[in-house]
Amino acid sequence: DIAYCERDVTTQQKDEVFSAYRRAGYKLSYEQRSSYKIDHYIPLCAGGSNNNENLWPQHLSIYNVTDSIEKLGCDKMAQGRVSQARFV
């Protein structure tokens, strides 16, 4: 069973994650912040959490592709066609 987790991540937490990646050396510009969303590395439907360690700035060019793949994986998990271990 996968525990339910609130999807909402606060604006403050999103800013913290974005700043942490900048401090780690990633070339992220505050001027281009709108080109990124703070996303879950391990999706909530696969047991991921809203902890900062599971969040990362995902560029528009990536999330336009991965969001539909993530939904497909979540749907297959809900149908019992793929296990949590295989999804993560």
PDB file of N, CA and C in Angstrom:
ATOM      1  N   ASP A   1       0.830  -1.185   0.000  1.00  0.00           N
ATOM      2  CA  ASP A   1       0.000   0.000   0.000  1.00  0.00           C
ATOM      3  C   ASP A   1       0.876   1.251   0.000  1.00  0.00           C
ATOM      4  N   ILE A   2       0.493   2.221  -0.778  1.00  0.00           N
ATOM      5  CA  ILE A   2       1.230   3.478  -0.857  1.00  0.00           C
ATOM      6  C   ILE A   2       0.459   4.517  -0.068  1.00  0.00           C
ATOM      7  N   ALA A   3       1.137   5.129   0.886  1.00  0.00           N
ATOM      8  CA  ALA A   3       0.488   6.144   1.719  1.00  0.00           C
ATOM      9  C   ALA A   3       0.115   7.349   0.876  1.00  0.00           C
ATOM     10  N   TYR A   4      -1.047   7.928   1.177  1.00  0.00           N
ATOM     11  CA  TYR A   4      -1.476   9.141   0.492  1.00  0.00           C
ATOM     12  C   TYR A   4      -0.619  10.291   0.951  1.00  0.00           C
ATOM     13  N   CYS A   5      -0.284  11.160   0.034  1.00  0.00           N
ATOM     14  CA  CYS A   5       0.554  12.314   0.365  1.00  0.00           C
ATOM     15  C   CYS A   5      -0.038  13.541  -0.305  1.00  0.00           C
ATOM     16  N   GLU A   6      -0.102  14.632   0.411  1.00  0.00           N
ATOM     17  CA  GLU A   6      -0.594  15.874  -0.171  1.00  0.00           C
ATOM     18  C   GLU A   6       0.317  16.306  -1.308  1.00  0.00           C
ATOM     19  N   ARG A   7      -0.253  16.665  -2.425  1.00  0.00           N
ATOM     20  CA  ARG A   7       0.514  17.074  -3.591  1.00  0.00           C
ATOM     21  C   ARG A   7       1.084  18.480  -3.430  1.00  0.00           C
ATOM     22  N   ASP A   8       0.401  19.336  -2.717  1.00  0.00           N
ATOM     23  CA  ASP A   8       0.802  20.730  -2.641  1.00  0.00           C
ATOM     24  C   ASP A   8       2.156  20.911  -1.968  1.00  0.00           C
ATOM     25  N   VAL A   9       3.017  21.631  -2.654  1.00  0.00           N
ATOM     26  CA  VAL A   9       4.306  22.039  -2.124  1.00  0.00           C
ATOM     27  C   VAL A   9       4.231  23.558  -2.056  1.00  0.00           C
ATOM     28  N   THR A  10       4.599  24.135  -0.922  1.00  0.00           N
ATOM     29  CA  THR A  10       4.463  25.577  -0.752  1.00  0.00           C
ATOM     30  C   THR A  10       5.418  26.335  -1.672  1.00  0.00           C
ATOM     31  N   THR A  11       5.075  27.575  -1.946  1.00  0.00           N
ATOM     32  CA  THR A  11       5.947  28.442  -2.743  1.00  0.00           C
ATOM     33  C   THR A  11       7.301  28.586  -2.070  1.00  0.00           C
ATOM     34  N   GLN A  12       7.300  28.703  -0.759  1.00  0.00           N
ATOM     35  CA  GLN A  12       8.555  28.826  -0.022  1.00  0.00           C
ATOM     36  C   GLN A  12       9.421  27.579  -0.222  1.00  0.00           C
ATOM     37  N   GLN A  13       8.816  26.409  -0.153  1.00  0.00           N
ATOM     38  CA  GLN A  13       9.569  25.171  -0.332  1.00  0.00           C
ATOM     39  C   GLN A  13      10.107  25.074  -1.755  1.00  0.00           C
ATOM     40  N   LYS A  14       9.312  25.478  -2.736  1.00  0.00           N
ATOM     41  CA  LYS A  14       9.775  25.475  -4.122  1.00  0.00           C
ATOM     42  C   LYS A  14      10.982  26.385  -4.283  1.00  0.00           C
ATOM     43  N   ASP A  15      10.924  27.575  -3.672  1.00  0.00           N
ATOM     44  CA  ASP A  15      12.051  28.512  -3.730  1.00  0.00           C
ATOM     45  C   ASP A  15      13.285  27.921  -3.059  1.00  0.00           C
ATOM     46  N   GLU A  16      13.084  27.218  -1.941  1.00  0.00           N
ATOM     47  CA  GLU A  16      14.206  26.586  -1.242  1.00  0.00           C
ATOM     48  C   GLU A  16      14.875  25.528  -2.125  1.00  0.00           C
ATOM     49  N   VAL A  17      14.076  24.722  -2.795  1.00  0.00           N
ATOM     50  CA  VAL A  17      14.611  23.667  -3.658  1.00  0.00           C
ATOM     51  C   VAL A  17      15.369  24.294  -4.828  1.00  0.00           C
ATOM     52  N   PHE A  18      14.787  25.300  -5.466  1.00  0.00           N
ATOM     53  CA  PHE A  18      15.439  25.969  -6.596  1.00  0.00           C
ATOM     54  C   PHE A  18      16.776  26.573  -6.148  1.00  0.00           C
ATOM     55  N   SER A  19      16.777  27.236  -5.010  1.00  0.00           N
ATOM     56  CA  SER A  19      18.004  27.844  -4.487  1.00  0.00           C
ATOM     57  C   SER A  19      19.048  26.795  -4.130  1.00  0.00           C
ATOM     58  N   ALA A  20      18.614  25.678  -3.560  1.00  0.00           N
ATOM     59  CA  ALA A  20      19.544  24.609  -3.190  1.00  0.00           C
ATOM     60  C   ALA A  20      20.248  24.054  -4.428  1.00  0.00           C
ATOM     61  N   TYR A  21      19.527  23.902  -5.508  1.00  0.00           N
ATOM     62  CA  TYR A  21      20.143  23.414  -6.746  1.00  0.00           C
ATOM     63  C   TYR A  21      21.128  24.443  -7.303  1.00  0.00           C
ATOM     64  N   ARG A  22      20.808  25.717  -7.184  1.00  0.00           N
ATOM     65  CA  ARG A  22      21.751  26.767  -7.624  1.00  0.00           C
ATOM     66  C   ARG A  22      23.024  26.706  -6.788  1.00  0.00           C
ATOM     67  N   ARG A  23      22.866  26.571  -5.479  1.00  0.00           N
ATOM     68  CA  ARG A  23      24.043  26.497  -4.593  1.00  0.00           C
ATOM     69  C   ARG A  23      24.892  25.260  -4.890  1.00  0.00           C
ATOM     70  N   ALA A  24      24.255  24.206  -5.366  1.00  0.00           N
ATOM     71  CA  ALA A  24      24.969  22.971  -5.686  1.00  0.00           C
ATOM     72  C   ALA A  24      25.708  23.065  -7.023  1.00  0.00           C
ATOM     73  N   GLY A  25      25.548  24.182  -7.712  1.00  0.00           N
ATOM     74  CA  GLY A  25      26.297  24.392  -8.937  1.00  0.00           C
ATOM     75  C   GLY A  25      25.508  24.252 -10.230  1.00  0.00           C
ATOM     76  N   TYR A  26      24.226  23.964 -10.121  1.00  0.00           N
ATOM     77  CA  TYR A  26      23.418  23.886 -11.338  1.00  0.00           C
ATOM     78  C   TYR A  26      23.196  25.286 -11.890  1.00  0.00           C
ATOM     79  N   LYS A  27      23.285  25.421 -13.179  1.00  0.00           N
ATOM     80  CA  LYS A  27      23.160  26.725 -13.845  1.00  0.00           C
ATOM     81  C   LYS A  27      21.689  27.065 -14.043  1.00  0.00           C
ATOM     82  N   LEU A  28      21.056  27.479 -12.981  1.00  0.00           N
ATOM     83  CA  LEU A  28      19.651  27.859 -13.009  1.00  0.00           C
ATOM     84  C   LEU A  28      19.553  29.361 -12.792  1.00  0.00           C
ATOM     85  N   SER A  29      18.887  30.025 -13.688  1.00  0.00           N
ATOM     86  CA  SER A  29      18.753  31.468 -13.621  1.00  0.00           C
ATOM     87  C   SER A  29      17.398  31.848 -13.022  1.00  0.00           C
ATOM     88  N   TYR A  30      17.417  32.782 -12.074  1.00  0.00           N
ATOM     89  CA  TYR A  30      16.148  33.246 -11.509  1.00  0.00           C
ATOM     90  C   TYR A  30      15.295  33.916 -12.584  1.00  0.00           C
ATOM     91  N   GLU A  31      15.937  34.497 -13.594  1.00  0.00           N
ATOM     92  CA  GLU A  31      15.195  35.132 -14.682  1.00  0.00           C
ATOM     93  C   GLU A  31      14.428  34.094 -15.510  1.00  0.00           C
ATOM     94  N   GLN A  32      14.892  32.856 -15.508  1.00  0.00           N
ATOM     95  CA  GLN A  32      14.233  31.792 -16.252  1.00  0.00           C
ATOM     96  C   GLN A  32      13.452  30.849 -15.334  1.00  0.00           C
ATOM     97  N   ARG A  33      13.182  31.267 -14.122  1.00  0.00           N
ATOM     98  CA  ARG A  33      12.498  30.424 -13.137  1.00  0.00           C
ATOM     99  C   ARG A  33      11.173  29.896 -13.658  1.00  0.00           C
ATOM    100  N   SER A  34      10.473  30.684 -14.471  1.00  0.00           N
ATOM    101  CA  SER A  34       9.167  30.252 -14.982  1.00  0.00           C
ATOM    102  C   SER A  34       9.292  29.100 -15.981  1.00  0.00           C
ATOM    103  N   SER A  35      10.511  28.797 -16.431  1.00  0.00           N
ATOM    104  CA  SER A  35      10.721  27.668 -17.340  1.00  0.00           C
ATOM    105  C   SER A  35      10.884  26.355 -16.583  1.00  0.00           C
ATOM    106  N   TYR A  36      10.806  26.418 -15.253  1.00  0.00           N
ATOM    107  CA  TYR A  36      10.983  25.245 -14.408  1.00  0.00           C
ATOM    108  C   TYR A  36       9.778  25.061 -13.509  1.00  0.00           C
ATOM    109  N   LYS A  37       9.485  23.817 -13.204  1.00  0.00           N
ATOM    110  CA  LYS A  37       8.541  23.533 -12.136  1.00  0.00           C
ATOM    111  C   LYS A  37       9.269  22.650 -11.129  1.00  0.00           C
ATOM    112  N   ILE A  38       8.890  22.747  -9.893  1.00  0.00           N
ATOM    113  CA  ILE A  38       9.473  21.887  -8.871  1.00  0.00           C
ATOM    114  C   ILE A  38       8.647  20.613  -8.878  1.00  0.00           C
ATOM    115  N   ASP A  39       9.313  19.510  -9.210  1.00  0.00           N
ATOM    116  CA  ASP A  39       8.606  18.254  -9.412  1.00  0.00           C
ATOM    117  C   ASP A  39       9.137  17.190  -8.463  1.00  0.00           C
ATOM    118  N   HIS A  40       8.385  16.133  -8.343  1.00  0.00           N
ATOM    119  CA  HIS A  40       8.764  15.001  -7.496  1.00  0.00           C
ATOM    120  C   HIS A  40       9.662  14.055  -8.284  1.00  0.00           C
ATOM    121  N   TYR A  41      10.822  13.758  -7.740  1.00  0.00           N
ATOM    122  CA  TYR A  41      11.736  12.808  -8.368  1.00  0.00           C
ATOM    123  C   TYR A  41      11.083  11.422  -8.400  1.00  0.00           C
ATOM    124  N   ILE A  42      10.622  10.965  -7.241  1.00  0.00           N
ATOM    125  CA  ILE A  42       9.797   9.757  -7.172  1.00  0.00           C
ATOM    126  C   ILE A  42       8.355  10.245  -7.049  1.00  0.00           C
ATOM    127  N   PRO A  43       7.516   9.934  -8.025  1.00  0.00           N
ATOM    128  CA  PRO A  43       6.141  10.438  -8.010  1.00  0.00           C
ATOM    129  C   PRO A  43       5.401  10.042  -6.730  1.00  0.00           C
ATOM    130  N   LEU A  44       4.474  10.887  -6.338  1.00  0.00           N
ATOM    131  CA  LEU A  44       3.678  10.601  -5.147  1.00  0.00           C
ATOM    132  C   LEU A  44       2.953   9.263  -5.282  1.00  0.00           C
ATOM    133  N   CYS A  45       2.471   8.963  -6.486  1.00  0.00           N
ATOM    134  CA  CYS A  45       1.725   7.725  -6.687  1.00  0.00           C
ATOM    135  C   CYS A  45       2.602   6.488  -6.528  1.00  0.00           C
ATOM    136  N   ALA A  46       3.925   6.685  -6.553  1.00  0.00           N
ATOM    137  CA  ALA A  46       4.859   5.564  -6.410  1.00  0.00           C
ATOM    138  C   ALA A  46       5.519   5.581  -5.034  1.00  0.00           C
ATOM    139  N   GLY A  47       4.923   6.334  -4.119  1.00  0.00           N
ATOM    140  CA  GLY A  47       5.445   6.361  -2.757  1.00  0.00           C
ATOM    141  C   GLY A  47       6.377   7.514  -2.462  1.00  0.00           C
ATOM    142  N   GLY A  48       6.545   8.426  -3.404  1.00  0.00           N
ATOM    143  CA  GLY A  48       7.384   9.604  -3.184  1.00  0.00           C
ATOM    144  C   GLY A  48       6.758  10.545  -2.172  1.00  0.00           C
ATOM    145  N   SER A  49       7.546  11.489  -1.714  1.00  0.00           N
ATOM    146  CA  SER A  49       7.067  12.428  -0.692  1.00  0.00           C
ATOM    147  C   SER A  49       7.300  13.866  -1.142  1.00  0.00           C
ATOM    148  N   ASN A  50       6.840  14.787  -0.326  1.00  0.00           N
ATOM    149  CA  ASN A  50       7.067  16.203  -0.552  1.00  0.00           C
ATOM    150  C   ASN A  50       8.329  16.695   0.153  1.00  0.00           C
ATOM    151  N   ASN A  51       9.171  15.792   0.633  1.00  0.00           N
ATOM    152  CA  ASN A  51      10.432  16.205   1.251  1.00  0.00           C
ATOM    153  C   ASN A  51      11.317  16.859   0.203  1.00  0.00           C
ATOM    154  N   ASN A  52      12.112  17.837   0.619  1.00  0.00           N
ATOM    155  CA  ASN A  52      12.998  18.534  -0.314  1.00  0.00           C
ATOM    156  C   ASN A  52      13.901  17.564  -1.069  1.00  0.00           C
ATOM    157  N   GLU A  53      14.295  16.474  -0.430  1.00  0.00           N
ATOM    158  CA  GLU A  53      15.187  15.501  -1.063  1.00  0.00           C
ATOM    159  C   GLU A  53      14.516  14.803  -2.249  1.00  0.00           C
ATOM    160  N   ASN A  54      13.194  14.852  -2.326  1.00  0.00           N
ATOM    161  CA  ASN A  54      12.468  14.218  -3.421  1.00  0.00           C
ATOM    162  C   ASN A  54      11.961  15.245  -4.430  1.00  0.00           C
ATOM    163  N   LEU A  55      12.399  16.476  -4.311  1.00  0.00           N
ATOM    164  CA  LEU A  55      11.952  17.539  -5.209  1.00  0.00           C
ATOM    165  C   LEU A  55      13.133  18.062  -6.011  1.00  0.00           C
ATOM    166  N   TRP A  56      12.857  18.442  -7.247  1.00  0.00           N
ATOM    167  CA  TRP A  56      13.914  18.996  -8.089  1.00  0.00           C
ATOM    168  C   TRP A  56      13.308  19.928  -9.122  1.00  0.00           C
ATOM    169  N   PRO A  57      14.112  20.899  -9.613  1.00  0.00           N
ATOM    170  CA  PRO A  57      13.618  21.800 -10.657  1.00  0.00           C
ATOM    171  C   PRO A  57      13.658  21.094 -12.006  1.00  0.00           C
ATOM    172  N   GLN A  58      12.500  20.900 -12.590  1.00  0.00           N
ATOM    173  CA  GLN A  58      12.384  20.191 -13.854  1.00  0.00           C
ATOM    174  C   GLN A  58      12.060  21.201 -14.953  1.00  0.00           C
ATOM    175  N   HIS A  59      12.887  21.224 -15.980  1.00  0.00           N
ATOM    176  CA  HIS A  59      12.720  22.180 -17.075  1.00  0.00           C
ATOM    177  C   HIS A  59      11.520  21.820 -17.941  1.00  0.00           C
ATOM    178  N   LEU A  60      10.913  22.845 -18.506  1.00  0.00           N
ATOM    179  CA  LEU A  60       9.765  22.714 -19.397  1.00  0.00           C
ATOM    180  C   LEU A  60      10.001  21.666 -20.483  1.00  0.00           C
ATOM    181  N   SER A  61      11.187  21.635 -21.047  1.00  0.00           N
ATOM    182  CA  SER A  61      11.464  20.684 -22.137  1.00  0.00           C
ATOM    183  C   SER A  61      11.409  19.237 -21.663  1.00  0.00           C
ATOM    184  N   ILE A  62      11.582  19.024 -20.365  1.00  0.00           N
ATOM    185  CA  ILE A  62      11.527  17.677 -19.808  1.00  0.00           C
ATOM    186  C   ILE A  62      10.115  17.341 -19.353  1.00  0.00           C
ATOM    187  N   TYR A  63       9.492  18.240 -18.584  1.00  0.00           N
ATOM    188  CA  TYR A  63       8.188  17.870 -18.038  1.00  0.00           C
ATOM    189  C   TYR A  63       7.106  17.798 -19.093  1.00  0.00           C
ATOM    190  N   ASN A  64       7.297  18.420 -20.232  1.00  0.00           N
ATOM    191  CA  ASN A  64       6.330  18.253 -21.322  1.00  0.00           C
ATOM    192  C   ASN A  64       6.300  16.816 -21.824  1.00  0.00           C
ATOM    193  N   VAL A  65       7.397  16.098 -21.638  1.00  0.00           N
ATOM    194  CA  VAL A  65       7.489  14.701 -22.056  1.00  0.00           C
ATOM    195  C   VAL A  65       7.168  13.756 -20.899  1.00  0.00           C
ATOM    196  N   THR A  66       7.746  14.008 -19.729  1.00  0.00           N
ATOM    197  CA  THR A  66       7.660  13.043 -18.632  1.00  0.00           C
ATOM    198  C   THR A  66       6.311  13.010 -17.919  1.00  0.00           C
ATOM    199  N   ASP A  67       5.564  14.094 -17.924  1.00  0.00           N
ATOM    200  CA  ASP A  67       4.286  14.093 -17.201  1.00  0.00           C
ATOM    201  C   ASP A  67       3.339  13.011 -17.718  1.00  0.00           C
ATOM    202  N   SER A  68       3.271  12.838 -19.020  1.00  0.00           N
ATOM    203  CA  SER A  68       2.370  11.812 -19.564  1.00  0.00           C
ATOM    204  C   SER A  68       2.897  10.408 -19.258  1.00  0.00           C
ATOM    205  N   ILE A  69       4.217  10.240 -19.241  1.00  0.00           N
ATOM    206  CA  ILE A  69       4.804   8.945 -18.903  1.00  0.00           C
ATOM    207  C   ILE A  69       4.528   8.617 -17.438  1.00  0.00           C
ATOM    208  N   GLU A  70       4.676   9.618 -16.569  1.00  0.00           N
ATOM    209  CA  GLU A  70       4.398   9.417 -15.147  1.00  0.00           C
ATOM    210  C   GLU A  70       2.944   9.015 -14.945  1.00  0.00           C
ATOM    211  N   LYS A  71       2.026   9.685 -15.634  1.00  0.00           N
ATOM    212  CA  LYS A  71       0.598   9.348 -15.501  1.00  0.00           C
ATOM    213  C   LYS A  71       0.348   7.904 -15.944  1.00  0.00           C
ATOM    214  N   LEU A  72       0.975   7.491 -17.019  1.00  0.00           N
ATOM    215  CA  LEU A  72       0.820   6.123 -17.507  1.00  0.00           C
ATOM    216  C   LEU A  72       1.313   5.124 -16.457  1.00  0.00           C
ATOM    217  N   GLY A  73       2.477   5.403 -15.858  1.00  0.00           N
ATOM    218  CA  GLY A  73       3.002   4.526 -14.816  1.00  0.00           C
ATOM    219  C   GLY A  73       2.076   4.459 -13.614  1.00  0.00           C
ATOM    220  N   CYS A  74       1.549   5.608 -13.207  1.00  0.00           N
ATOM    221  CA  CYS A  74       0.622   5.649 -12.061  1.00  0.00           C
ATOM    222  C   CYS A  74      -0.654   4.865 -12.364  1.00  0.00           C
ATOM    223  N   ASP A  75      -1.168   5.039 -13.572  1.00  0.00           N
ATOM    224  CA  ASP A  75      -2.383   4.309 -13.963  1.00  0.00           C
ATOM    225  C   ASP A  75      -2.139   2.804 -13.945  1.00  0.00           C
ATOM    226  N   LYS A  76      -0.994   2.366 -14.449  1.00  0.00           N
ATOM    227  CA  LYS A  76      -0.679   0.933 -14.477  1.00  0.00           C
ATOM    228  C   LYS A  76      -0.487   0.390 -13.062  1.00  0.00           C
ATOM    229  N   MET A  77       0.082   1.193 -12.160  1.00  0.00           N
ATOM    230  CA  MET A  77       0.198   0.772 -10.759  1.00  0.00           C
ATOM    231  C   MET A  77      -1.182   0.611 -10.144  1.00  0.00           C
ATOM    232  N   ALA A  78      -2.062   1.567 -10.394  1.00  0.00           N
ATOM    233  CA  ALA A  78      -3.418   1.511  -9.842  1.00  0.00           C
ATOM    234  C   ALA A  78      -4.177   0.290 -10.354  1.00  0.00           C
ATOM    235  N   GLN A  79      -3.879  -0.125 -11.571  1.00  0.00           N
ATOM    236  CA  GLN A  79      -4.525  -1.306 -12.163  1.00  0.00           C
ATOM    237  C   GLN A  79      -3.837  -2.607 -11.740  1.00  0.00           C
ATOM    238  N   GLY A  80      -2.719  -2.487 -11.032  1.00  0.00           N
ATOM    239  CA  GLY A  80      -1.979  -3.676 -10.614  1.00  0.00           C
ATOM    240  C   GLY A  80      -1.144  -4.302 -11.725  1.00  0.00           C
ATOM    241  N   ARG A  81      -0.918  -3.549 -12.795  1.00  0.00           N
ATOM    242  CA  ARG A  81      -0.182  -4.085 -13.945  1.00  0.00           C
ATOM    243  C   ARG A  81       1.322  -3.861 -13.836  1.00  0.00           C
ATOM    244  N   VAL A  82       1.743  -3.002 -12.920  1.00  0.00           N
ATOM    245  CA  VAL A  82       3.168  -2.783 -12.663  1.00  0.00           C
ATOM    246  C   VAL A  82       3.298  -2.552 -11.163  1.00  0.00           C
ATOM    247  N   SER A  83       4.392  -3.042 -10.592  1.00  0.00           N
ATOM    248  CA  SER A  83       4.569  -2.900  -9.139  1.00  0.00           C
ATOM    249  C   SER A  83       5.295  -1.608  -8.810  1.00  0.00           C
ATOM    250  N   GLN A  84       5.165  -1.201  -7.567  1.00  0.00           N
ATOM    251  CA  GLN A  84       5.858  -0.013  -7.096  1.00  0.00           C
ATOM    252  C   GLN A  84       7.360  -0.175  -7.291  1.00  0.00           C
ATOM    253  N   ALA A  85       7.906  -1.343  -7.013  1.00  0.00           N
ATOM    254  CA  ALA A  85       9.350  -1.583  -7.145  1.00  0.00           C
ATOM    255  C   ALA A  85       9.795  -1.387  -8.601  1.00  0.00           C
ATOM    256  N   ARG A  86       9.003  -1.801  -9.566  1.00  0.00           N
ATOM    257  CA  ARG A  86       9.379  -1.664 -10.970  1.00  0.00           C
ATOM    258  C   ARG A  86       9.217  -0.236 -11.446  1.00  0.00           C
ATOM    259  N   PHE A  87       8.274   0.498 -10.866  1.00  0.00           N
ATOM    260  CA  PHE A  87       8.009   1.879 -11.289  1.00  0.00           C
ATOM    261  C   PHE A  87       9.111   2.798 -10.787  1.00  0.00           C
ATOM    262  N   VAL A  88       9.528   2.599  -9.554  1.00  0.00           N
ATOM    263  CA  VAL A  88      10.550   3.460  -8.950  1.00  0.00           C
ATOM    264  C   VAL A  88      11.885   2.961  -9.410  1.00  0.00           C
TER     265      VAL A  88
END
